[in-house]
Amino acid sequence: MDDPDEMATAKVDIRVLQDVIDAVDTRLRALECDGVKLRAPRSLVYATVIYEVIASAAKSSCGTMRLVRAPILDSILDGVEIAGGVNLFDRLLEITVTN
């Protein structure tokens, strides 16, 4: 990876993944502090959320696959809710952690 633009893009995408992992970790710790017992391995939770970020980026990136443009990031990093007051990140964690 000698192209400076490609390196800059990689750094941004890595930072996005780091922020997502930090958000998942923070939320899992909060759930555990609230007495929720995780029924899935932490690695599965992280993998599921990262997969959803990649899938979200693929659907909206028009071939560029820029993770930073994944619509689901609004839910994960900013707590944005969709219609009906549901946070996709919360719902994703709930499904993964309790199943």
Protein backbone atom coordinates (compact mmCIF):
# COMPACT_ATOMS: atom_id res chain seq x y z
CA MET A 1 0.00 0.00 0.00
CA ASP A 2 2.20 2.79 -1.35
CA ASP A 3 -0.54 5.18 -2.44
CA PRO A 4 -0.92 7.99 0.16
CA ASP A 5 -4.66 8.29 -0.57
CA GLU A 6 -5.11 4.57 -0.05
CA MET A 7 -3.16 4.74 3.21
CA ALA A 8 -5.28 7.66 4.43
CA THR A 9 -8.46 5.75 3.55
CA ALA A 10 -7.19 2.68 5.39
CA LYS A 11 -6.41 4.76 8.49
CA VAL A 12 -9.92 6.24 8.49
CA ASP A 13 -11.55 2.81 8.09
CA ILE A 14 -9.36 1.34 10.83
CA ARG A 15 -10.36 4.22 13.11
CA VAL A 16 -14.03 3.53 12.33
CA LEU A 17 -13.57 -0.14 13.27
CA GLN A 18 -11.76 0.88 16.46
CA ASP A 19 -14.61 3.23 17.38
CA VAL A 20 -17.15 0.49 16.69
CA ILE A 21 -15.25 -2.02 18.83
CA ASP A 22 -15.00 0.55 21.63
CA ALA A 23 -18.75 1.23 21.39
CA VAL A 24 -19.55 -2.49 21.55
CA ASP A 25 -17.21 -2.97 24.49
CA THR A 26 -18.74 -0.03 26.36
CA ARG A 27 -22.27 -1.29 25.74
CA LEU A 28 -21.43 -4.87 26.76
CA ARG A 29 -19.85 -3.68 30.00
CA ALA A 30 -22.92 -1.57 30.74
CA LEU A 31 -25.20 -4.54 30.10
CA GLU A 32 -23.10 -6.72 32.40
CA CYS A 33 -23.18 -4.03 35.10
CA ASP A 34 -26.97 -4.06 34.79
CA GLY A 35 -26.97 -7.80 35.47
CA VAL A 36 -27.48 -9.01 31.91
CA LYS A 37 -25.79 -12.35 31.35
CA LEU A 38 -24.28 -12.59 27.88
CA ARG A 39 -25.49 -15.76 26.18
CA ALA A 40 -23.11 -15.35 23.26
CA PRO A 41 -19.33 -15.13 23.28
CA ARG A 42 -18.00 -11.57 23.13
CA SER A 43 -16.17 -12.47 19.94
CA LEU A 44 -19.49 -13.34 18.27
CA VAL A 45 -20.98 -10.01 19.33
CA TYR A 46 -17.99 -8.08 17.95
CA ALA A 47 -18.00 -10.13 14.73
CA THR A 48 -21.73 -9.61 14.23
CA VAL A 49 -21.53 -5.85 14.66
CA ILE A 50 -18.46 -5.55 12.41
CA TYR A 51 -20.23 -7.66 9.78
CA GLU A 52 -23.24 -5.33 9.92
CA VAL A 53 -20.97 -2.30 9.48
CA ILE A 54 -19.35 -3.90 6.43
CA ALA A 55 -22.73 -4.92 4.99
CA SER A 56 -24.11 -1.43 5.59
CA ALA A 57 -21.09 0.13 3.88
CA ALA A 58 -21.39 -2.24 0.93
CA LYS A 59 -25.06 -1.35 0.41
CA SER A 60 -24.48 2.39 0.41
CA SER A 61 -20.98 2.91 -0.93
CA CYS A 62 -21.54 2.54 -4.68
CA GLY A 63 -18.47 0.32 -4.95
CA THR A 64 -16.11 2.36 -2.78
CA MET A 65 -16.63 0.24 0.36
CA ARG A 66 -15.82 3.14 2.65
CA LEU A 67 -16.74 2.02 6.16
CA VAL A 68 -16.99 5.61 7.31
CA ARG A 69 -20.06 5.99 5.06
CA ALA A 70 -21.96 3.03 6.52
CA PRO A 71 -25.41 4.28 7.60
CA ILE A 72 -25.46 1.95 10.63
CA LEU A 73 -22.61 3.98 12.16
CA ASP A 74 -25.11 6.70 13.11
CA SER A 75 -26.83 4.17 15.35
CA ILE A 76 -23.63 2.69 16.78
CA LEU A 77 -21.56 5.81 17.34
CA ASP A 78 -24.19 8.52 17.75
CA GLY A 79 -27.20 6.64 19.18
CA VAL A 80 -29.47 7.78 16.34
CA GLU A 81 -32.85 6.06 16.38
CA ILE A 82 -34.93 4.97 13.42
CA ALA A 83 -38.68 5.45 13.09
CA GLY A 84 -40.48 4.06 16.10
CA GLY A 85 -37.71 4.98 18.54
CA VAL A 86 -35.60 1.89 17.91
CA ASN A 87 -31.81 2.07 17.91
CA LEU A 88 -30.44 -0.48 15.43
CA PHE A 89 -27.30 -1.00 17.51
CA ASP A 90 -29.32 -1.76 20.64
CA ARG A 91 -31.53 -4.17 18.71
CA LEU A 92 -28.53 -5.89 17.11
CA LEU A 93 -26.87 -6.34 20.49
CA GLU A 94 -30.09 -7.59 22.05
CA ILE A 95 -30.54 -10.22 19.35
CA THR A 96 -26.90 -11.34 19.48
CA VAL A 97 -26.46 -11.30 23.26
CA THR A 98 -29.69 -13.05 24.17
CA ASN A 99 -29.85 -15.73 21.47
